[in-house]
Every structure is written in C-alpha cells, then in structure tokens.
Amino acid sequence: MSLGSNRPTFKPTPYGYTRRSRGIPRWLLLLITGIVLGAGGVLFLQRSYGPQRLTVEQSEQLRMDLNTANLENQRMNTESKALRQDLDQAQAAQKEQNAQVEQLRKHAADMQAGVAGLIAAIPPDPRGTSPGIRSADMTLQDDGLHYQVLLIQDPVDGDTQVANLRGEVKLIGIGTYPNGNTAYVGLGSQPLDMGRYTVINGQTELPKAYRLHQVTIQIMGEGSDKVVATRTFRVTAAK
C-alpha cells in the first residue's frame, strides 16, 4: 500500500475559471489620458492665443479709462445737444431773416413802382435832354446858397433800364454887386454817378456883397468838358 496520495493532480482546462489580480482598465487609462491632454491643450491655447489676465494695476487702469470714456461720452452728448439747440435757433433766425428780406423786397418793389409813377408825373426838362434837369430848389440863407437838384435819365424806347452815367455837376451863379455890375460866379461842383435818377444836395458860400439872382446848372460827362445838359433856376430867399 502506497503512502502517497491518490488524488489526481489539478490541471486547468481552457474552460476553467482562474482568479486573477485586477488592474486599471485600459479604457479608463485612455479616458484619463485624454482628459489630461485636453486640459493641457486648453491651458496652452488660453496662454498662447486667449486673452491675457490683467494685473491689479492694469484692471484699475482699465476701470479708470472706462470711467474717463463714459465722462467724455456724456460731455460729447451734452455738447451735441447744445449744438443742436444752436442749430435750431440759427435756422429759426434764418427763417425769420428770409421772411424780413422777402418783405423788404416787396416794399422795394412797391417803392420802385411809386417812384416810377412820380417820375412820370414830374414835368420833363424843357430842353429834352437826357439826363434831364427836372427840378431844382435854390434857397438863399444866412450861410450861403442851399440847393437840391433832381436829375433823371430817360430809357431808350423799348428799354426799362438806363446806362450808368458818370461825370460832373457844376453850378454857376448869376448876380450883381452893389455897383450894379453883373457877375458870373462859380459856385462849386460835385461828382456825378447816377442811374435812372439822382438828387444832388449841397451848400456853398457866396462872395461878400454879392447878390445872387439865378443859378445855372451844367452837366458834363466823365473826362469831357462838353455840356450834355443845362438849365437855369431863379433863387429864392429863405422865409
């Protein structure tokens, strides 16, 4: 009788179950690795291409710049409102001025029509010249002769406008001295620059002891001594 055990030796079969020590699954390692790599990539991208974090000083400076920009924006809005008000006031003033100008134009047209009517009513120059010396007021006062002369140019038939006339207006006095001698005395001249009509006003002193009776008005063209119009008026004493 043998002393050894007769139990058969155990041999694992392909279908048998064996107990092994458990390690970390491969899929979990892959997952963790992917998470680590993804987080690192995100940090890398943020540091390389993303916005950089500001320091405390930079944040404070940014806040101050933002407040300054807000204040500047408010100032510009206030100035914009003021400019808008000024523009509205200027436009209103311009509108009022335009209305006044239009009213003045109407008044000027009415006055022009009235002047045309008056000119037509004034007796023509007996000599029939143009310009014509239509009327004159010669008044003797203590300080000499005061005169006012109305000159009118007549337009050519079919025209409503006349050419501008430049020249000179001369006054020649006709009077006597105490000895009875008649004397012609120059009483001065004035430059002439007229359109349709003009009024010549003036005052001149007389020679001592000279008694003025009449005044002859002569009109010469510019640069010429030729008299283009003349007329004589009696002198009246001031009342």
Protein backbone atom coordinates (compact mmCIF):
# COMPACT_ATOMS: atom_id res chain seq x y z
CA MET A 1 0.00 0.00 0.00
CA SER A 2 1.42 3.19 -1.01
CA LEU A 3 1.64 6.09 1.44
CA GLY A 4 1.27 8.77 -1.25
CA SER A 5 -1.99 10.40 -2.01
CA ASN A 6 -4.00 9.00 -4.75
CA ARG A 7 -5.77 12.27 -5.56
CA PRO A 8 -5.28 13.35 -9.13
CA THR A 9 -3.29 16.45 -9.83
CA PHE A 10 -5.44 19.54 -10.79
CA LYS A 11 -4.83 20.88 -14.21
CA PRO A 12 -6.64 23.89 -15.51
CA THR A 13 -8.62 23.39 -18.60
CA PRO A 14 -9.45 26.01 -21.28
CA TYR A 15 -12.92 26.17 -19.88
CA GLY A 16 -11.94 26.52 -16.32
CA TYR A 17 -12.08 29.65 -14.15
CA THR A 18 -8.97 31.09 -12.54
CA ARG A 19 -8.82 34.02 -10.12
CA ARG A 20 -6.51 36.83 -11.28
CA SER A 21 -5.47 40.15 -9.64
CA ARG A 22 -7.48 43.11 -11.06
CA GLY A 23 -5.59 46.14 -12.62
CA ILE A 24 -6.77 49.54 -14.07
CA PRO A 25 -8.82 49.00 -17.19
CA ARG A 26 -7.28 50.11 -20.40
CA TRP A 27 -10.24 52.19 -21.40
CA LEU A 28 -10.04 54.13 -18.14
CA LEU A 29 -6.39 54.88 -18.73
CA LEU A 30 -7.23 56.16 -22.18
CA LEU A 31 -10.02 58.33 -20.76
CA ILE A 32 -7.82 59.87 -18.09
CA THR A 33 -5.04 60.45 -20.58
CA GLY A 34 -7.47 62.20 -22.93
CA ILE A 35 -8.77 64.42 -20.13
CA VAL A 36 -5.26 65.40 -19.09
CA LEU A 37 -4.21 66.13 -22.65
CA GLY A 38 -7.40 68.13 -23.33
CA ALA A 39 -6.97 70.24 -20.19
CA GLY A 40 -3.35 70.89 -21.08
CA GLY A 41 -4.32 71.88 -24.58
CA VAL A 42 -6.94 74.28 -23.28
CA LEU A 43 -4.42 75.90 -20.93
CA PHE A 44 -1.90 76.11 -23.76
CA LEU A 45 -4.40 77.77 -26.07
CA GLN A 46 -5.51 80.21 -23.40
CA ARG A 47 -1.96 81.24 -22.64
CA SER A 48 -0.86 81.38 -26.28
CA TYR A 49 -3.93 82.80 -28.06
CA GLY A 50 -6.55 83.69 -25.49
CA PRO A 51 -6.98 86.98 -23.63
CA GLN A 52 -4.32 87.54 -21.07
CA ARG A 53 -5.26 88.05 -17.50
CA LEU A 54 -4.79 91.56 -16.20
CA THR A 55 -2.87 92.54 -13.17
CA VAL A 56 -4.46 94.57 -10.39
CA GLU A 57 -2.82 97.73 -11.71
CA GLN A 58 -3.97 97.02 -15.24
CA SER A 59 -7.51 96.33 -14.05
CA GLU A 60 -7.56 99.59 -12.11
CA GLN A 61 -6.21 101.48 -15.13
CA LEU A 62 -8.84 99.87 -17.35
CA ARG A 63 -11.57 100.90 -14.92
CA MET A 64 -10.27 104.47 -14.85
CA ASP A 65 -10.10 104.56 -18.67
CA LEU A 66 -13.64 103.27 -18.86
CA ASN A 67 -14.87 105.95 -16.45
CA THR A 68 -13.00 108.59 -18.45
CA ALA A 69 -14.57 107.33 -21.66
CA ASN A 70 -18.03 107.45 -20.06
CA LEU A 71 -17.44 111.02 -18.86
CA GLU A 72 -16.19 112.03 -22.30
CA ASN A 73 -19.24 110.42 -23.88
CA GLN A 74 -21.52 112.36 -21.54
CA ARG A 75 -19.66 115.58 -22.33
CA MET A 76 -19.98 114.98 -26.06
CA ASN A 77 -23.69 114.23 -25.69
CA THR A 78 -24.15 117.49 -23.78
CA GLU A 79 -22.23 119.44 -26.41
CA SER A 80 -24.20 117.71 -29.15
CA LYS A 81 -27.47 118.78 -27.53
CA ALA A 82 -26.17 122.35 -27.18
CA LEU A 83 -25.08 122.38 -30.83
CA ARG A 84 -28.47 121.05 -31.87
CA GLN A 85 -30.19 123.84 -29.93
CA ASP A 86 -27.87 126.43 -31.51
CA LEU A 87 -28.58 124.99 -34.94
CA ASP A 88 -32.33 125.10 -34.34
CA GLN A 89 -32.08 128.71 -33.16
CA ALA A 90 -29.92 129.64 -36.17
CA GLN A 91 -32.39 128.01 -38.55
CA ALA A 92 -35.27 129.84 -36.89
CA ALA A 93 -33.36 133.13 -37.12
CA GLN A 94 -32.53 132.44 -40.77
CA LYS A 95 -36.16 131.73 -41.48
CA GLU A 96 -37.17 135.00 -39.84
CA GLN A 97 -34.50 136.90 -41.77
CA ASN A 98 -35.68 135.35 -45.02
CA ALA A 99 -39.20 136.50 -44.23
CA GLN A 100 -37.92 140.00 -43.48
CA VAL A 101 -35.89 140.07 -46.70
CA GLU A 102 -38.93 138.98 -48.68
CA GLN A 103 -40.97 141.71 -47.03
CA LEU A 104 -38.28 144.28 -47.82
CA ARG A 105 -38.26 143.11 -51.42
CA LYS A 106 -41.98 143.67 -51.64
CA HIS A 107 -41.61 147.13 -50.10
CA ALA A 108 -38.77 147.92 -52.53
CA ALA A 109 -40.90 146.78 -55.47
CA ASP A 110 -43.77 148.96 -54.23
CA MET A 111 -41.43 151.91 -53.76
CA GLN A 112 -39.95 151.39 -57.19
CA ALA A 113 -43.40 151.36 -58.70
CA GLY A 114 -44.24 154.51 -56.73
CA VAL A 115 -41.02 156.22 -57.85
CA ALA A 116 -41.77 155.29 -61.45
CA GLY A 117 -45.18 156.91 -61.07
CA LEU A 118 -43.65 160.05 -59.56
CA ILE A 119 -41.03 160.28 -62.30
CA ALA A 120 -43.73 160.04 -64.92
CA ALA A 121 -45.64 162.84 -63.17
CA ILE A 122 -42.67 165.24 -62.99
CA PRO A 123 -42.55 167.71 -65.89
CA PRO A 124 -39.75 166.93 -68.35
CA ASP A 125 -36.72 169.11 -68.95
CA PRO A 126 -37.77 171.81 -71.47
CA ARG A 127 -34.56 171.17 -73.44
CA GLY A 128 -35.47 167.49 -73.84
CA THR A 129 -32.03 166.24 -72.81
CA SER A 130 -31.21 163.03 -71.01
CA PRO A 131 -30.23 163.29 -68.31
CA GLY A 132 -32.81 165.94 -67.78
CA ILE A 133 -32.67 168.55 -65.03
CA ARG A 134 -36.25 168.05 -63.92
CA SER A 135 -36.40 170.39 -60.95
CA ALA A 136 -34.21 172.37 -58.56
CA ASP A 137 -34.63 174.26 -55.31
CA MET A 138 -32.23 177.21 -54.84
CA THR A 139 -32.61 178.89 -51.46
CA LEU A 140 -30.58 181.76 -50.01
CA GLN A 141 -29.87 181.54 -46.30
CA ASP A 142 -27.57 183.40 -43.92
CA ASP A 143 -24.71 180.96 -44.51
CA GLY A 144 -25.00 180.94 -48.31
CA LEU A 145 -26.85 179.04 -51.00
CA HIS A 146 -28.58 175.73 -50.26
CA TYR A 147 -29.55 173.72 -53.33
CA GLN A 148 -31.28 170.50 -54.29
CA VAL A 149 -31.37 169.26 -57.87
CA LEU A 150 -33.31 166.31 -59.36
CA LEU A 151 -31.71 164.61 -62.38
CA ILE A 152 -33.49 161.90 -64.37
CA GLN A 153 -32.33 159.76 -67.27
CA ASP A 154 -34.92 158.55 -69.77
CA PRO A 155 -34.58 154.99 -71.06
CA VAL A 156 -34.41 154.36 -74.77
CA ASP A 157 -37.69 153.29 -76.34
CA GLY A 158 -38.39 149.66 -75.52
CA ASP A 159 -35.90 149.51 -72.65
CA THR A 160 -36.62 149.66 -68.94
CA GLN A 161 -33.03 150.20 -67.82
CA VAL A 162 -30.59 153.02 -68.46
CA ALA A 163 -26.81 153.08 -68.66
CA ASN A 164 -24.93 154.38 -65.63
CA LEU A 165 -23.75 157.98 -66.10
CA ARG A 166 -20.60 159.38 -64.53
CA GLY A 167 -19.46 162.93 -64.81
CA GLU A 168 -19.67 166.28 -63.02
CA VAL A 169 -22.34 168.77 -61.98
CA LYS A 170 -21.32 172.45 -61.97
CA LEU A 171 -23.20 175.40 -60.54
CA ILE A 172 -22.68 178.93 -61.92
CA GLY A 173 -24.20 181.90 -60.14
CA ILE A 174 -25.66 184.92 -61.94
CA GLY A 175 -25.85 188.01 -59.73
CA THR A 176 -24.80 191.60 -59.14
CA TYR A 177 -22.53 193.60 -56.89
CA PRO A 178 -23.58 196.82 -55.13
CA ASN A 179 -22.20 198.87 -58.04
CA GLY A 180 -24.76 197.21 -60.32
CA ASN A 181 -22.30 195.15 -62.33
CA THR A 182 -23.50 191.66 -63.33
CA ALA A 183 -21.12 188.84 -62.45
CA TYR A 184 -20.98 185.12 -63.14
CA VAL A 185 -19.52 183.27 -60.17
CA GLY A 186 -18.60 179.61 -59.95
CA LEU A 187 -20.43 178.07 -57.00
CA GLY A 188 -18.60 174.77 -56.99
CA SER A 189 -19.13 171.33 -58.48
CA GLN A 190 -19.93 167.77 -57.46
CA PRO A 191 -19.07 164.39 -58.97
CA LEU A 192 -21.96 162.63 -60.68
CA ASP A 193 -22.67 158.91 -60.64
CA MET A 194 -26.30 158.14 -61.44
CA GLY A 195 -28.62 155.51 -62.85
CA ARG A 196 -32.27 156.19 -63.53
CA TYR A 197 -32.33 159.23 -61.26
CA THR A 198 -30.41 161.01 -58.53
CA VAL A 199 -30.73 164.02 -56.23
CA ILE A 200 -27.83 166.44 -55.80
CA ASN A 201 -27.73 168.27 -52.48
CA GLY A 202 -25.27 170.86 -51.25
CA GLN A 203 -24.45 174.22 -49.74
CA THR A 204 -21.96 176.87 -50.79
CA GLU A 205 -20.89 180.27 -49.55
CA LEU A 206 -21.24 183.41 -51.68
CA PRO A 207 -18.74 186.22 -52.26
CA LYS A 208 -19.10 189.16 -49.92
CA ALA A 209 -21.65 191.78 -51.04
CA TYR A 210 -22.66 189.56 -53.96
CA ARG A 211 -26.38 189.36 -54.66
CA LEU A 212 -27.28 186.07 -56.29
CA HIS A 213 -30.34 186.03 -58.58
CA GLN A 214 -30.10 182.87 -60.65
CA VAL A 215 -28.11 179.62 -60.80
CA THR A 216 -27.21 177.76 -64.00
CA ILE A 217 -26.72 174.00 -63.65
CA GLN A 218 -24.39 172.31 -66.11
CA ILE A 219 -23.79 168.55 -66.51
CA MET A 220 -20.63 167.20 -68.15
CA GLY A 221 -19.76 163.62 -68.97
CA GLU A 222 -16.77 161.92 -67.40
CA GLY A 223 -13.49 163.10 -68.93
CA SER A 224 -15.18 165.74 -71.10
CA ASP A 225 -15.88 169.45 -70.91
CA LYS A 226 -18.89 169.12 -73.21
CA VAL A 227 -22.14 170.18 -71.54
CA VAL A 228 -24.72 167.43 -72.05
CA ALA A 229 -27.49 169.18 -70.08
CA THR A 230 -28.03 172.68 -68.66
CA ARG A 231 -30.83 174.65 -67.07
CA THR A 232 -31.16 177.92 -65.14
CA PHE A 233 -33.29 178.42 -62.00
CA ARG A 234 -34.20 181.50 -60.01
CA VAL A 235 -33.05 181.83 -56.44
CA THR A 236 -35.49 182.36 -53.58
CA ALA A 237 -34.81 183.76 -50.15
CA ALA A 238 -35.47 181.59 -47.08
CA LYS A 239 -38.59 182.53 -45.16
